[in-house]
Protein backbone atom coordinates (compact mmCIF):
# COMPACT_ATOMS: atom_id res chain seq x y z
CA MET A 1 -16.30 19.96 0.43
CA LYS A 2 -18.37 19.57 -2.71
CA ASP A 3 -21.38 17.26 -2.29
CA ILE A 4 -21.24 15.23 -5.49
CA PHE A 5 -22.75 11.77 -5.91
CA THR A 6 -22.39 10.34 -9.42
CA PHE A 7 -24.21 7.59 -11.27
CA ARG A 8 -21.06 5.47 -10.89
CA ASP A 9 -21.20 6.07 -7.14
CA ALA A 10 -24.82 4.91 -7.11
CA GLU A 11 -23.97 1.79 -9.11
CA LYS A 12 -21.26 0.90 -6.64
CA GLN A 13 -23.56 1.53 -3.69
CA ALA A 14 -26.25 -0.73 -5.16
CA GLY A 15 -23.89 -3.52 -6.25
CA PRO A 16 -22.66 -6.53 -4.28
CA VAL A 17 -20.71 -5.67 -1.13
CA ALA A 18 -17.00 -6.15 -1.83
CA PHE A 19 -14.26 -4.66 0.31
CA THR A 20 -10.98 -5.59 1.88
CA THR A 21 -9.69 -5.20 5.41
CA MET A 22 -6.21 -4.66 6.73
CA LEU A 23 -6.17 -6.42 10.09
CA LYS A 24 -3.66 -5.25 12.69
CA PRO A 25 -3.84 -8.00 15.33
CA ALA A 26 -0.86 -6.58 17.25
CA GLY A 27 -1.80 -2.97 16.60
CA SER A 28 1.28 -0.83 16.09
CA ALA A 29 3.55 -3.11 18.14
CA CYS A 30 6.76 -3.79 16.24
CA ASN A 31 10.24 -5.18 16.79
CA LEU A 32 11.76 -2.42 14.63
CA ASP A 33 11.98 1.33 15.05
CA CYS A 34 11.84 2.59 11.48
CA ARG A 35 12.33 6.34 11.53
CA TYR A 36 9.67 7.08 8.91
CA CYS A 37 6.98 4.74 10.34
CA TYR A 38 3.67 6.57 10.65
CA TYR A 39 2.13 3.76 12.71
CA LEU A 40 4.40 3.35 15.73
CA ASP A 41 2.88 6.39 17.41
CA LYS A 42 -0.61 4.84 17.34
CA ALA A 43 0.14 3.09 20.64
CA ALA A 44 -0.48 6.41 22.39
CA GLN A 45 -4.01 6.36 20.99
CA TYR A 46 -4.64 3.18 22.96
CA GLY A 47 -3.17 4.19 26.29
CA GLY A 48 0.50 3.68 25.47
CA ARG A 49 0.37 -0.12 25.54
CA GLN A 50 -1.48 -2.27 23.07
CA ALA A 51 -2.88 -5.69 23.88
CA VAL A 52 -2.89 -8.28 21.12
CA MET A 53 -6.12 -9.46 19.56
CA SER A 54 -7.91 -12.07 21.64
CA ASP A 55 -8.97 -15.44 20.25
CA GLU A 56 -12.60 -14.50 20.80
CA LEU A 57 -12.25 -11.27 18.81
CA LEU A 58 -10.29 -13.05 16.08
CA GLU A 59 -13.18 -15.46 15.59
CA LEU A 60 -15.70 -12.62 15.53
CA TYR A 61 -13.67 -10.77 12.92
CA VAL A 62 -13.15 -13.81 10.66
CA ARG A 63 -16.85 -14.69 10.74
CA GLN A 64 -18.07 -11.12 10.16
CA TYR A 65 -15.58 -10.38 7.38
CA ILE A 66 -16.40 -13.49 5.37
CA GLN A 67 -20.14 -13.01 5.81
CA ALA A 68 -20.00 -9.30 4.89
CA ASN A 69 -18.36 -9.85 1.49
CA GLU A 70 -20.85 -10.84 -1.18
CA MET A 71 -18.15 -12.16 -3.48
CA PRO A 72 -16.80 -15.68 -4.16
CA THR A 73 -13.26 -14.80 -2.99
CA VAL A 74 -12.38 -13.14 0.30
CA GLN A 75 -8.84 -11.90 0.87
CA PHE A 76 -7.41 -11.46 4.35
CA CYS A 77 -4.55 -8.99 4.79
CA TRP A 78 -2.52 -9.34 7.99
CA HIS A 79 -0.62 -6.16 8.82
CA GLY A 80 0.97 -4.14 11.58
CA GLY A 81 3.12 -3.03 13.24
CA GLU A 82 4.68 -6.44 12.86
CA PRO A 83 2.04 -9.17 12.54
CA LEU A 84 4.48 -12.04 13.20
CA LEU A 85 4.77 -10.89 16.83
CA LEU A 86 1.51 -12.78 17.41
CA GLY A 87 3.30 -16.09 16.92
CA LEU A 88 2.57 -19.06 14.71
CA ASP A 89 -0.26 -20.50 16.81
CA PHE A 90 -2.32 -17.34 16.26
CA TYR A 91 -2.23 -17.84 12.50
CA ARG A 92 -2.92 -21.54 12.77
CA LYS A 93 -6.10 -20.61 14.66
CA ALA A 94 -6.92 -17.98 12.04
CA VAL A 95 -6.63 -20.45 9.16
CA ALA A 96 -8.79 -22.97 11.03
CA LEU A 97 -11.44 -20.29 11.61
CA GLN A 98 -11.37 -19.32 7.95
CA ARG A 99 -12.11 -22.91 7.00
CA ARG A 100 -14.92 -23.10 9.55
CA TYR A 101 -16.70 -19.98 8.29
CA ALA A 102 -15.79 -20.05 4.58
CA ASP A 103 -19.27 -21.22 3.53
CA GLY A 104 -18.05 -22.18 0.08
CA LYS A 105 -16.07 -19.00 -0.51
CA HIS A 106 -12.44 -19.11 -1.58
CA ILE A 107 -10.12 -17.67 1.07
CA GLU A 108 -6.80 -15.98 0.30
CA ASN A 109 -4.21 -14.67 2.75
CA THR A 110 -1.63 -11.94 2.36
CA LEU A 111 0.73 -10.82 5.11
CA GLN A 112 3.03 -7.80 5.25
CA THR A 113 6.17 -8.23 7.37
CA ASN A 114 9.55 -6.68 7.99
CA GLY A 115 10.91 -10.22 7.62
CA VAL A 116 13.16 -10.23 10.68
CA LEU A 117 11.26 -13.01 12.48
CA ILE A 118 10.89 -15.35 9.51
CA ASP A 119 12.56 -18.71 10.04
CA GLU A 120 12.09 -22.15 8.49
CA THR A 121 8.98 -22.85 10.57
CA TRP A 122 7.29 -19.67 9.39
CA ALA A 123 8.31 -20.29 5.78
CA GLU A 124 6.94 -23.82 5.93
CA PHE A 125 3.62 -22.53 7.32
CA PHE A 126 3.31 -19.87 4.62
CA ALA A 127 4.01 -22.42 1.91
CA ALA A 128 1.56 -24.98 3.32
CA ASN A 129 -1.24 -22.40 3.53
CA ALA A 130 -0.52 -20.50 0.30
CA PHE A 131 0.18 -17.14 1.97
CA LEU A 132 1.36 -14.31 -0.24
CA VAL A 133 4.03 -12.59 1.84
CA GLY A 134 4.95 -8.96 1.35
CA VAL A 135 8.46 -8.14 2.55
CA SER A 136 9.37 -4.58 3.50
CA LEU A 137 12.73 -3.86 1.89
CA ASP A 138 13.80 -0.43 0.69
CA GLY A 139 16.73 -1.28 -1.57
CA PRO A 140 20.47 -1.98 -1.32
CA GLU A 141 21.98 -2.18 2.14
CA GLU A 142 22.88 1.47 2.74
CA ILE A 143 19.42 2.64 1.63
CA HIS A 144 17.53 0.02 3.62
CA ASP A 145 19.54 0.41 6.83
CA ALA A 146 19.36 4.21 6.78
CA PHE A 147 15.84 4.15 8.23
CA ARG A 148 14.93 0.53 9.01
CA ALA A 149 16.67 -0.42 12.26
CA THR A 150 15.93 -2.40 15.42
CA LYS A 151 14.88 -0.78 18.69
CA GLY A 152 18.56 -0.66 19.59
CA GLY A 153 19.50 0.97 16.30
CA ALA A 154 21.06 -2.13 14.73
CA PRO A 155 20.81 -2.67 10.94
CA THR A 156 18.31 -5.19 9.55
CA PHE A 157 19.29 -5.65 5.89
CA GLY A 158 21.04 -8.99 6.42
CA GLN A 159 18.10 -10.46 8.34
CA VAL A 160 15.61 -9.39 5.69
CA MET A 161 17.70 -10.85 2.87
CA ARG A 162 17.94 -14.12 4.80
CA ALA A 163 14.14 -14.13 5.10
CA VAL A 164 13.78 -13.61 1.34
CA GLY A 165 16.08 -16.58 0.76
CA LEU A 166 13.96 -18.78 3.04
CA LEU A 167 10.75 -17.78 1.29
CA ARG A 168 12.33 -18.59 -2.05
CA ASP A 169 13.69 -21.94 -0.80
CA PHE A 170 10.27 -23.01 0.51
CA GLY A 171 8.41 -21.90 -2.61
CA VAL A 172 6.47 -19.11 -0.87
CA GLU A 173 5.06 -16.47 -3.18
CA TYR A 174 6.42 -13.10 -2.09
CA ASN A 175 6.60 -9.52 -3.22
CA THR A 176 8.50 -6.46 -2.06
CA LEU A 177 7.22 -3.21 -0.63
CA SER A 178 9.66 -0.31 -0.72
CA VAL A 179 9.45 3.17 0.72
CA VAL A 180 10.76 5.76 -1.74
CA ASN A 181 12.54 8.25 0.49
CA ARG A 182 15.05 11.05 -0.02
CA MET A 183 17.95 8.58 -0.27
CA CYS A 184 16.29 6.92 -3.27
CA GLU A 185 16.40 10.06 -5.40
CA GLY A 186 18.59 9.62 -8.45
CA ARG A 187 18.91 5.87 -7.85
CA GLY A 188 15.74 4.50 -9.45
CA ALA A 189 17.47 2.31 -12.04
CA GLU A 190 19.92 0.93 -9.48
CA ILE A 191 17.15 0.10 -7.01
CA TYR A 192 15.02 -1.58 -9.67
CA ARG A 193 17.93 -3.75 -10.80
CA PHE A 194 18.62 -4.68 -7.18
CA PHE A 195 15.08 -5.96 -6.68
CA ARG A 196 14.95 -7.73 -10.02
CA ASP A 197 18.40 -9.33 -10.04
CA THR A 198 19.49 -9.66 -6.41
CA VAL A 199 16.21 -10.06 -4.53
CA GLY A 200 14.41 -11.88 -7.32
CA SER A 201 11.24 -9.87 -6.76
CA ARG A 202 8.72 -10.21 -9.53
CA TYR A 203 6.09 -7.95 -7.97
CA MET A 204 7.26 -4.60 -6.61
CA GLN A 205 5.50 -1.80 -4.80
CA PHE A 206 7.14 1.61 -4.48
CA LEU A 207 5.40 3.89 -1.96
CA PRO A 208 6.50 7.53 -1.53
CA ALA A 209 7.35 8.86 1.93
CA VAL A 210 6.15 12.41 2.57
CA GLU A 211 5.61 13.28 6.23
CA HIS A 212 5.82 16.15 8.71
CA VAL A 213 7.43 15.74 12.11
CA VAL A 214 8.30 17.32 15.43
CA ASP A 215 11.28 16.32 17.56
CA ARG A 216 10.84 14.50 20.85
CA PRO A 217 13.53 15.02 23.51
CA GLY A 218 15.47 11.85 24.22
CA MET A 219 13.85 9.91 21.37
CA ARG A 220 15.72 8.60 18.31
CA ARG A 221 12.67 8.93 16.12
CA PRO A 222 10.66 12.17 15.76
CA ALA A 223 6.87 12.11 16.02
CA ILE A 224 4.93 12.20 12.76
CA VAL A 225 2.23 14.88 12.87
CA SER A 226 -0.04 16.84 10.56
CA PRO A 227 1.46 19.82 8.68
CA GLU A 228 -0.75 22.15 10.79
CA HIS A 229 0.86 20.95 14.04
CA GLU A 230 2.77 23.76 15.77
CA GLY A 231 6.47 23.51 14.96
CA ALA A 232 6.00 20.82 12.33
CA ARG A 233 8.61 20.53 9.60
CA LEU A 234 8.91 18.39 6.51
CA ALA A 235 10.66 15.17 7.54
CA GLU A 236 14.22 14.90 6.28
CA TRP A 237 13.49 11.51 4.70
CA SER A 238 10.61 12.84 2.57
CA VAL A 239 11.03 12.41 -1.15
CA THR A 240 10.64 15.58 -3.22
CA ALA A 241 8.03 15.74 -5.96
CA LYS A 242 10.71 16.07 -8.65
CA GLY A 243 12.78 13.31 -7.05
CA TYR A 244 9.76 11.00 -7.02
CA GLY A 245 8.97 11.75 -10.65
CA ASP A 246 12.57 11.08 -11.69
CA PHE A 247 12.57 7.85 -9.69
CA LEU A 248 9.40 6.55 -11.36
CA CYS A 249 10.63 7.48 -14.83
CA ASP A 250 13.99 5.79 -14.25
CA VAL A 251 12.35 2.57 -13.04
CA PHE A 252 9.83 2.71 -15.88
CA ASP A 253 12.54 3.06 -18.54
CA ARG A 254 14.28 -0.11 -17.35
CA TRP A 255 11.01 -2.03 -17.02
CA VAL A 256 9.41 -1.09 -20.32
CA VAL A 257 12.35 -2.18 -22.50
CA SER A 258 12.97 -5.60 -20.96
CA ASP A 259 10.60 -6.79 -18.23
CA VAL A 260 6.97 -6.22 -19.24
CA GLY A 261 5.09 -9.42 -18.47
CA GLN A 262 7.95 -10.73 -16.35
CA CYS A 263 8.21 -8.20 -13.53
CA TYR A 264 5.16 -6.40 -12.19
CA VAL A 265 5.45 -2.91 -10.74
CA GLN A 266 2.19 -2.07 -9.01
CA LEU A 267 2.01 1.54 -10.16
CA PHE A 268 2.72 0.64 -13.80
CA GLU A 269 0.07 -2.08 -13.81
CA ALA A 270 -2.44 0.31 -12.26
CA THR A 271 -1.55 3.01 -14.78
CA LEU A 272 -2.22 0.64 -17.69
CA ALA A 273 -5.54 -0.28 -16.12
CA GLN A 274 -6.49 3.40 -15.97
CA TRP A 275 -5.47 3.84 -19.61
CA CYS A 276 -7.78 0.96 -20.51
CA GLY A 277 -10.68 2.19 -18.40
CA VAL A 278 -10.75 -0.70 -15.94
CA PRO A 279 -10.42 -0.58 -12.12
CA PRO A 280 -6.77 0.00 -11.17
CA GLY A 281 -6.80 -2.31 -8.15
CA VAL A 282 -4.95 0.33 -6.10
CA CYS A 283 -6.95 2.55 -3.74
CA SER A 284 -4.65 5.55 -4.23
CA MET A 285 -5.56 5.62 -7.93
CA GLY A 286 -9.27 5.04 -7.53
CA GLU A 287 -11.73 7.86 -8.12
CA THR A 288 -13.02 7.29 -4.59
CA CYS A 289 -11.64 5.25 -1.71
CA GLY A 290 -12.74 3.77 1.61
CA ASP A 291 -12.95 0.15 0.40
CA ALA A 292 -9.85 -0.99 2.31
CA LEU A 293 -10.89 -0.79 5.95
CA VAL A 294 -8.49 -1.10 8.88
CA VAL A 295 -9.46 -3.31 11.81
CA GLU A 296 -7.41 -2.71 14.94
CA HIS A 297 -6.40 -5.25 17.60
CA ASN A 298 -9.40 -4.26 19.77
CA GLY A 299 -11.99 -4.32 16.96
CA ASP A 300 -11.99 -0.60 16.15
CA VAL A 301 -12.54 0.08 12.43
CA TYR A 302 -11.22 2.97 10.31
CA SER A 303 -11.65 3.88 6.67
CA CYS A 304 -7.93 3.89 5.86
CA ASP A 305 -4.56 2.84 7.25
CA HIS A 306 -3.34 6.43 7.00
CA PHE A 307 -6.30 7.90 8.88
CA VAL A 308 -6.30 5.95 12.13
CA TYR A 309 -7.24 8.92 14.28
CA PRO A 310 -10.16 9.21 16.72
CA GLU A 311 -12.16 11.48 14.43
CA TYR A 312 -12.08 8.86 11.65
CA ARG A 313 -13.17 5.91 13.78
CA LEU A 314 -16.19 4.20 12.20
CA GLY A 315 -17.12 1.86 15.05
CA ASN A 316 -16.15 -1.42 16.66
CA ILE A 317 -17.05 -4.90 15.45
CA ARG A 318 -18.05 -5.89 18.99
CA ASP A 319 -20.85 -3.31 18.85
CA THR A 320 -21.68 -3.07 15.14
CA PRO A 321 -21.30 -5.81 12.52
CA LEU A 322 -18.57 -5.14 9.97
CA SER A 323 -21.15 -5.23 7.17
CA GLU A 324 -23.05 -2.31 8.77
CA ILE A 325 -19.85 -0.38 9.37
CA TYR A 326 -18.97 -0.72 5.69
CA ARG A 327 -22.42 0.49 4.65
CA SER A 328 -22.27 3.48 7.00
CA ARG A 329 -22.68 7.03 5.72
CA LYS A 330 -19.47 8.10 7.46
CA ARG A 331 -17.42 5.48 5.58
CA ARG A 332 -19.07 6.40 2.28
CA ASP A 333 -18.50 10.12 2.75
CA PHE A 334 -14.83 9.52 3.57
CA GLY A 335 -14.43 7.66 0.29
CA LEU A 336 -16.27 10.27 -1.78
CA ALA A 337 -14.15 13.06 -0.31
CA LYS A 338 -11.14 11.70 -2.21
CA ARG A 339 -12.72 13.10 -5.37
CA ASN A 340 -15.06 15.77 -4.05
CA ALA A 341 -12.42 17.64 -2.04
CA LEU A 342 -9.95 17.95 -4.91
CA PRO A 343 -9.04 21.37 -6.32
CA ALA A 344 -10.78 22.28 -9.58
CA GLU A 345 -7.39 22.32 -11.34
CA CYS A 346 -6.98 18.61 -10.59
CA LEU A 347 -10.37 17.74 -12.06
CA ARG A 348 -9.43 19.66 -15.23
CA CYS A 349 -6.00 18.00 -15.56
CA ASN A 350 -5.43 15.86 -18.66
CA TYR A 351 -4.14 13.08 -16.41
CA TYR A 352 -6.87 13.13 -13.79
CA PHE A 353 -8.26 9.91 -15.29
CA ALA A 354 -4.98 8.20 -14.37
CA CYS A 355 -3.94 9.98 -11.19
CA ARG A 356 -7.30 10.62 -9.48
CA GLY A 357 -5.47 12.92 -7.07
CA GLU A 358 -3.40 9.98 -5.73
CA CYS A 359 -3.60 9.32 -1.98
CA PRO A 360 -5.34 11.95 0.22
CA LYS A 361 -2.58 11.49 2.83
CA HIS A 362 -0.23 13.43 0.54
CA ARG A 363 -2.44 16.51 0.17
CA PHE A 364 -0.17 18.98 1.91
CA GLU A 365 -0.30 21.75 -0.72
CA THR A 366 -3.15 24.15 -1.48
CA GLY A 367 -4.78 24.60 -4.88
CA ALA A 368 -5.87 27.91 -6.37
CA ASP A 369 -9.41 27.45 -5.02
CA GLY A 370 -8.18 26.69 -1.49
CA CYS A 371 -8.71 22.93 -1.67
CA ARG A 372 -5.96 20.55 -0.59
CA LYS A 373 -3.64 19.42 -3.39
CA ASN A 374 -1.21 16.51 -3.57
CA SER A 375 2.34 17.61 -2.78
CA LEU A 376 3.69 15.02 -5.26
CA CYS A 377 1.70 16.47 -8.16
CA GLU A 378 4.74 17.67 -10.10
CA GLY A 379 6.39 14.24 -9.99
CA LEU A 380 3.21 12.36 -10.83
CA LEU A 381 2.57 14.64 -13.80
CA GLN A 382 6.15 14.04 -14.97
CA TYR A 383 5.65 10.27 -14.75
CA PHE A 384 2.31 10.18 -16.58
CA ARG A 385 3.62 12.36 -19.42
CA HIS A 386 6.70 10.16 -19.70
CA ALA A 387 4.74 6.89 -19.73
CA GLU A 388 1.95 8.11 -22.04
CA PRO A 389 3.26 6.89 -25.44
CA TYR A 390 4.01 3.44 -24.03
CA MET A 391 0.64 3.20 -22.28
CA ASP A 392 -1.07 4.23 -25.55
CA TYR A 393 0.83 1.48 -27.37
CA MET A 394 -0.01 -1.19 -24.79
CA ARG A 395 -3.68 -0.19 -24.87
CA GLU A 396 -3.65 -0.65 -28.65
CA LEU A 397 -2.01 -4.07 -28.24
CA LEU A 398 -4.66 -5.17 -25.77
CA GLY A 399 -7.37 -3.89 -28.13
CA ARG A 400 -5.99 -6.31 -30.74
CA ASN A 401 -5.84 -9.16 -28.20
CA GLN A 402 -2.04 -8.99 -28.23
CA PRO A 403 0.15 -9.11 -25.11
CA PRO A 404 1.34 -5.81 -23.60
CA ALA A 405 4.86 -7.27 -23.55
CA TRP A 406 5.03 -6.52 -27.28
CA VAL A 407 5.60 -2.90 -26.28
CA MET A 408 9.25 -3.72 -25.55
CA PRO A 409 10.59 -3.59 -29.14
CA PHE A 410 8.68 -0.33 -29.65
CA ALA A 411 10.19 1.06 -26.42
CA ARG A 412 13.73 0.04 -27.32
CA GLN A 413 13.43 1.65 -30.74
CA ARG A 414 11.87 4.82 -29.33
CA MET A 415 14.66 5.16 -26.79
CA GLY A 416 17.31 4.60 -29.45
CA LEU A 417 18.43 1.26 -28.03
CA VAL A 418 17.99 -0.48 -31.39
CA ARG A 419 18.11 0.72 -34.98
CA PRO A 420 14.79 1.32 -36.76
């Protein structure tokens, strides 16, 4: 690992403390058995059974998290597993604690759910407390149900769509989070239209699935392991680099000609931010990472949701305040490694400023100098090259204080959809 500490790193270190946490109050406990879930196996790390977060620990977390952030707005992110398994009373207590310890700061709440447990009572609570709800939905029925099933193997698409309808009826702000897997290859345009027209999603996240697995006798779902694990193979649901690049380009082509400013695709928004030299707001596209900590049901803290392994544990909020854990050398070094451990070829790439090596969890390949390289590199490079002329145009628009949505006529003409 190269030991590089830049002036920008020093500025960040000296500036106001600002970080987010992904709280997992039920740990990896979930009412579904999604085949590609990298978190279900975390129960074994905690003795096979996971207790839910106690009221006492919830209060400690809320107080420490608000106090640690030296910013006027503090955003709570409730995650899992399935966070709704805690029940409504847990979140009523959480909101009350936020009000008690806010100390003049503005509090925001986001919650990521598979949607199965959402009913009118939940929807009413989310609306009353201004929760932004992320719904996990992979696409049309056959794509979604291929991997997202109940413990008994039953499909979930209908239940999730019902939940979306309830959120819409109660005026709850929601977005969609979709796993781009092998079944999504060649169907980018179809999936985008489904989310835009059928689901009514106006903020979409598309996250690639690339994992390695080993089979477990008698188990429906294989265990997700590191590529170095003996007998590991690339999971059958993993998207290929070319397939991912094609998917992004297909979605982009539909978005850029008709929906800029109306529908927000997280990766496209982050790409434009990179083109304009401002923070992308997405950890996978940051130069460094480690600013989105994970807090487990028992108070253990990790640098990243994808690195909840014993060797990456930073501490426990019962023993060490969250503010000290964030300032720790171990957390800082983890974040710097995102850049410092990249192959030299990545740092020389014309699109490094936009890609930043993407997420370290996808570094399954090896660069020429022996450093770990992102296995989706080919697809990401394809996407950035494809989007470049439109990103250049939107950057020029913003430089003239004009809306990026004005790129749409340019895009339609460039793609031959209208006459010059």
